[in-house]
Amino acid sequence: MILNLFKQSASNGKKSLALLIDPDDINENGLTAVIHTAIENRVDYFFVGGSLITTNNLAPVIESIKHQSNIPCVLFPGNAIHIHSDADAILFLSLISGRNPELLIGQHVVAAPVIKRSKLEVIPTGYMLIHSGKPTSVSYMSNTQPIPNDKPSLAVSTAMAGEMLGLQCIYMDAGSGAMEPVPSKMIKAVKRNIEVPLIVGGGLNTTRKAKEALEAGADIIVIGNAVQKNLSILAEVSDVVQCFNQELNVN
C-alpha cells in the first residue's frame, strides 16, 4: 500500500522524492531517458498527470513507467477523466484551498464509480494551492484563488480542517512553473500542526529550494518542470534527499 509507505516514511523522518510527469509535455524518447535517470537516482514515486491533458499520452506514459521500472506510479489527476487502471494508486485530490464545489466534491462523484471498478489504491489528499508570484495553470483551470503565501495561519487552518475531515495527506503546491515555491515558514507551520504526510511541490527548481522545503518539514517533495528543462537537476535534488536520509541513519 503506497499510503502506508507515505505514512511509515513520514513517521520515521525519512524524506522522499516524487517526479511529476505531465503526459502533454513529454515524448517517448524523452520519457525513456527520464525513467532511466529516475531509477539511477532513486526516485521514490512517479506522479503522473497535469491540470489539462490534451493528448492521448496518459496510457502510454503509465505503460512505459510500469514496463521500465518498479517505481510506484501514482495518478495526479486534473479532473475526473484522468484515470487509468494500470497505475498503482491515485491521489484523490480535494482542492481544499478553493471554494469551487466541482473540485471539492463534484468531480469526485463522477470519478468514484470508475475508480471503484479500477481497484486503484485511493489516497484521499487535501490539495492546497499556494500563491507563487504569478497565475499558474492550476489556478486558471480550477477557477480558484490560491492561499496568499504570506498567510501561514490560513494555510495551517486549511490543512488542519482537511485532516479533521479524514484526508490522509496534505499536498501544498505552488503550481507548475511557479516563480516561487511554497515558503519555508508556511511549510514549517503546517507540518507542526498536522499528523498526516505532507507533500510539497511547485517551483522546486534548484537544490537550494528543495533543501529548504525538506528542512521546513516536507515529507515528500515533488519536482517536474525543472527536470523537463534540465535532466541533471534530478540527480542534484536526489542527492539532497539522500543526504537527509543518511543523516537520519547516522543519528
Protein backbone atom coordinates (compact mmCIF):
# COMPACT_ATOMS: atom_id res chain seq x y z
CA MET A 1 0.00 0.00 0.00
CA ILE A 2 1.51 3.28 -1.13
CA LEU A 3 -0.27 5.34 1.52
CA ASN A 4 1.34 3.12 4.15
CA LEU A 5 4.73 3.88 2.57
CA PHE A 6 3.95 7.61 2.79
CA LYS A 7 2.97 7.29 6.44
CA GLN A 8 5.78 4.99 7.51
CA SER A 9 8.44 7.17 5.90
CA ALA A 10 6.97 10.32 7.40
CA SER A 11 6.75 8.83 10.89
CA ASN A 12 10.39 7.74 10.65
CA GLY A 13 11.54 11.14 9.43
CA LYS A 14 12.56 9.71 6.05
CA LYS A 15 12.32 12.11 3.11
CA SER A 16 11.01 11.01 -0.29
CA LEU A 17 11.27 12.31 -3.84
CA ALA A 18 8.46 12.22 -6.38
CA LEU A 19 8.89 13.01 -10.05
CA LEU A 20 5.83 14.56 -11.69
CA ILE A 21 5.35 13.71 -15.37
CA ASP A 22 2.82 15.65 -17.43
CA PRO A 23 1.79 13.42 -20.36
CA ASP A 24 1.30 16.52 -22.54
CA ASP A 25 4.90 17.64 -22.10
CA ILE A 26 6.92 14.55 -22.91
CA ASN A 27 7.57 12.26 -25.88
CA GLU A 28 8.54 8.59 -25.92
CA ASN A 29 12.31 9.13 -26.17
CA GLY A 30 12.27 11.81 -23.51
CA LEU A 31 10.20 9.61 -21.21
CA THR A 32 12.63 6.70 -21.53
CA ALA A 33 15.52 8.97 -20.59
CA VAL A 34 13.60 10.34 -17.62
CA ILE A 35 12.63 6.87 -16.36
CA HIS A 36 16.22 5.59 -16.55
CA THR A 37 17.52 8.70 -14.81
CA ALA A 38 14.85 8.32 -12.11
CA ILE A 39 15.93 4.71 -11.48
CA GLU A 40 19.60 5.72 -11.29
CA ASN A 41 18.82 8.47 -8.81
CA ARG A 42 16.50 6.51 -6.53
CA VAL A 43 13.30 8.43 -7.18
CA ASP A 44 10.64 7.08 -4.80
CA TYR A 45 7.46 7.77 -6.78
CA PHE A 46 6.26 8.80 -10.21
CA PHE A 47 3.29 11.18 -10.11
CA VAL A 48 1.54 11.26 -13.49
CA GLY A 49 -0.92 13.95 -14.52
CA GLY A 50 -1.49 17.64 -15.03
CA SER A 51 -4.04 20.42 -14.94
CA LEU A 52 -5.01 19.86 -18.57
CA ILE A 53 -4.17 16.70 -20.53
CA THR A 54 -4.96 17.31 -24.20
CA THR A 55 -3.22 14.28 -25.73
CA ASN A 56 -3.75 10.52 -25.57
CA ASN A 57 -0.43 10.05 -23.81
CA LEU A 58 -1.69 9.13 -20.34
CA ALA A 59 -1.94 5.39 -21.02
CA PRO A 60 1.40 5.11 -22.90
CA VAL A 61 3.20 7.06 -20.18
CA ILE A 62 1.87 4.77 -17.44
CA GLU A 63 2.63 1.70 -19.55
CA SER A 64 6.24 2.82 -20.09
CA ILE A 65 6.77 3.54 -16.40
CA LYS A 66 5.37 0.15 -15.38
CA HIS A 67 7.33 -1.69 -18.07
CA GLN A 68 10.68 0.00 -17.45
CA SER A 69 10.75 0.44 -13.67
CA ASN A 70 9.50 -0.80 -10.32
CA ILE A 71 8.90 2.72 -9.03
CA PRO A 72 5.30 3.17 -7.86
CA CYS A 73 3.15 5.07 -10.36
CA VAL A 74 0.62 7.42 -8.75
CA LEU A 75 -2.02 9.35 -10.69
CA PHE A 76 -2.14 13.11 -10.06
CA PRO A 77 -5.44 13.88 -11.81
CA GLY A 78 -6.60 17.26 -13.04
CA ASN A 79 -10.18 16.06 -13.42
CA ALA A 80 -12.43 13.00 -13.44
CA ILE A 81 -11.26 11.68 -16.81
CA HIS A 82 -7.58 11.47 -15.83
CA ILE A 83 -7.91 7.91 -14.57
CA HIS A 84 -6.13 4.78 -15.73
CA SER A 85 -6.38 1.39 -14.05
CA ASP A 86 -2.78 0.38 -14.79
CA ALA A 87 -1.38 2.90 -12.33
CA ASP A 88 -0.71 1.77 -8.76
CA ALA A 89 -2.66 4.46 -6.94
CA ILE A 90 -4.46 7.75 -7.34
CA LEU A 91 -4.22 10.92 -5.30
CA PHE A 92 -7.93 11.56 -4.75
CA LEU A 93 -7.49 15.32 -4.63
CA SER A 94 -9.90 17.66 -2.89
CA LEU A 95 -8.97 21.29 -3.56
CA ILE A 96 -9.47 22.47 -0.01
CA SER A 97 -7.78 25.84 -0.57
CA GLY A 98 -10.52 26.92 -3.01
CA ARG A 99 -14.27 27.27 -2.98
CA ASN A 100 -15.03 25.58 -6.28
CA PRO A 101 -17.54 22.82 -5.43
CA GLU A 102 -16.60 20.85 -8.55
CA LEU A 103 -13.10 20.30 -7.16
CA LEU A 104 -14.21 19.80 -3.58
CA ILE A 105 -16.71 17.03 -4.37
CA GLY A 106 -18.30 17.33 -7.83
CA GLN A 107 -15.57 15.67 -9.91
CA HIS A 108 -15.16 13.06 -7.18
CA VAL A 109 -18.77 11.91 -7.54
CA VAL A 110 -18.24 11.42 -11.28
CA ALA A 111 -14.93 9.60 -10.81
CA ALA A 112 -15.85 7.37 -7.84
CA PRO A 113 -17.58 4.52 -9.74
CA VAL A 114 -14.76 4.36 -12.29
CA ILE A 115 -12.09 4.31 -9.59
CA LYS A 116 -14.01 1.68 -7.62
CA ARG A 117 -14.03 -0.65 -10.60
CA SER A 118 -10.37 0.00 -11.37
CA LYS A 119 -9.13 -1.27 -7.99
CA LEU A 120 -6.65 1.60 -7.84
CA GLU A 121 -5.41 2.36 -4.35
CA VAL A 122 -7.15 5.58 -3.34
CA ILE A 123 -5.16 8.15 -1.36
CA PRO A 124 -7.53 10.88 -0.08
CA THR A 125 -5.47 14.07 -0.35
CA GLY A 126 -6.14 17.66 0.65
CA TYR A 127 -4.75 19.79 -2.16
CA MET A 128 -3.74 23.34 -1.25
CA LEU A 129 -2.74 25.81 -3.95
CA ILE A 130 -0.33 28.47 -2.66
CA HIS A 131 0.28 31.81 -4.41
CA SER A 132 3.55 31.66 -6.35
CA GLY A 133 4.00 35.13 -7.76
CA LYS A 134 2.03 34.64 -10.98
CA PRO A 135 -1.11 32.87 -12.24
CA THR A 136 -0.50 29.17 -12.87
CA SER A 137 -2.26 26.52 -14.93
CA VAL A 138 -3.76 25.10 -11.75
CA SER A 139 -5.31 28.37 -10.62
CA TYR A 140 -6.68 29.04 -14.11
CA MET A 141 -8.12 25.57 -14.66
CA SER A 142 -9.50 25.27 -11.12
CA ASN A 143 -11.04 28.76 -11.18
CA THR A 144 -9.87 29.34 -7.61
CA GLN A 145 -7.71 31.81 -5.74
CA PRO A 146 -4.56 30.39 -4.16
CA ILE A 147 -3.79 30.93 -0.49
CA PRO A 148 -1.64 34.08 -0.07
CA ASN A 149 1.95 32.99 0.54
CA ASP A 150 2.31 35.43 3.43
CA LYS A 151 -0.60 33.93 5.39
CA PRO A 152 0.76 30.79 7.09
CA SER A 153 -2.06 30.80 9.64
CA LEU A 154 -4.60 30.45 6.84
CA ALA A 155 -2.66 27.53 5.37
CA VAL A 156 -2.46 25.89 8.81
CA SER A 157 -6.21 26.21 9.41
CA THR A 158 -6.94 24.81 5.95
CA ALA A 159 -4.61 21.84 6.41
CA MET A 160 -6.00 21.11 9.89
CA ALA A 161 -9.55 21.16 8.53
CA GLY A 162 -8.57 18.75 5.77
CA GLU A 163 -7.03 16.36 8.28
CA MET A 164 -10.11 16.60 10.51
CA LEU A 165 -12.27 15.72 7.51
CA GLY A 166 -10.31 12.47 7.20
CA LEU A 167 -7.95 13.32 4.35
CA GLN A 168 -4.84 11.16 4.61
CA CYS A 169 -2.26 13.53 3.06
CA ILE A 170 -1.84 17.24 2.57
CA TYR A 171 -0.33 18.45 -0.71
CA MET A 172 0.87 22.07 -0.79
CA ASP A 173 1.54 23.20 -4.34
CA ALA A 174 2.78 26.46 -5.82
CA GLY A 175 1.77 25.15 -9.26
CA SER A 176 3.62 24.06 -12.36
CA GLY A 177 6.29 26.55 -13.42
CA ALA A 178 5.84 28.61 -10.27
CA MET A 179 8.08 31.66 -9.87
CA GLU A 180 8.43 30.99 -6.15
CA PRO A 181 7.95 27.75 -4.20
CA VAL A 182 5.81 27.38 -1.09
CA PRO A 183 7.56 29.48 1.59
CA SER A 184 9.53 27.59 4.22
CA LYS A 185 7.71 29.44 7.01
CA MET A 186 4.38 28.17 5.71
CA ILE A 187 5.62 24.57 5.29
CA LYS A 188 7.01 24.59 8.82
CA ALA A 189 3.78 25.96 10.30
CA VAL A 190 1.60 23.38 8.54
CA LYS A 191 3.90 20.49 9.42
CA ARG A 192 3.79 21.41 13.11
CA ASN A 193 0.01 21.22 13.14
CA ILE A 194 -0.83 18.04 11.23
CA GLU A 195 -0.02 14.36 11.68
CA VAL A 196 -0.58 13.16 8.12
CA PRO A 197 2.21 13.13 5.49
CA LEU A 198 2.98 16.50 3.90
CA ILE A 199 3.71 16.69 0.16
CA VAL A 200 5.21 19.89 -1.28
CA GLY A 201 5.67 20.80 -4.94
CA GLY A 202 5.85 23.65 -7.41
CA GLY A 203 8.85 25.86 -8.07
CA LEU A 204 11.43 23.47 -6.60
CA ASN A 205 13.81 24.08 -9.49
CA THR A 206 17.09 24.33 -7.58
CA THR A 207 18.80 22.23 -4.93
CA ARG A 208 18.61 25.16 -2.52
CA LYS A 209 14.82 25.37 -2.83
CA ALA A 210 14.47 21.61 -2.48
CA LYS A 211 16.65 21.60 0.62
CA GLU A 212 14.69 24.45 2.19
CA ALA A 213 11.41 22.59 1.65
CA LEU A 214 12.82 19.45 3.25
CA GLU A 215 14.30 21.35 6.18
CA ALA A 216 10.97 23.07 6.76
CA GLY A 217 9.21 19.70 7.11
CA ALA A 218 8.11 18.39 3.72
CA ASP A 219 7.92 14.59 3.82
CA ILE A 220 7.73 14.25 0.04
CA ILE A 221 8.99 16.85 -2.41
CA VAL A 222 7.76 16.88 -6.00
CA ILE A 223 9.72 18.13 -8.99
CA GLY A 224 8.54 18.20 -12.58
CA ASN A 225 9.04 21.23 -14.81
CA ALA A 226 12.64 21.63 -13.72
CA VAL A 227 13.51 18.10 -14.86
CA GLN A 228 11.99 18.65 -18.29
CA LYS A 229 14.22 21.70 -18.72
CA ASN A 230 17.34 20.18 -17.17
CA LEU A 231 17.51 16.43 -16.57
CA SER A 232 20.63 16.77 -14.40
CA ILE A 233 18.62 18.58 -11.72
CA LEU A 234 17.09 15.21 -10.82
CA ALA A 235 20.44 13.84 -9.67
CA GLU A 236 21.18 17.02 -7.73
CA VAL A 237 17.87 17.03 -5.89
CA SER A 238 18.12 13.29 -5.25
CA ASP A 239 21.50 13.86 -3.60
CA VAL A 240 19.89 16.39 -1.27
CA VAL A 241 17.18 13.88 -0.30
CA GLN A 242 19.72 11.08 0.22
CA CYS A 243 21.86 13.36 2.43
CA PHE A 244 18.87 13.99 4.69
CA ASN A 245 18.19 10.27 4.98
CA GLN A 246 21.84 9.38 5.58
CA GLU A 247 21.99 11.86 8.46
CA LEU A 248 18.84 10.26 9.86
CA ASN A 249 20.53 6.83 9.79
CA VAL A 250 23.67 8.19 11.46
CA ASN A 251 21.68 9.79 14.24
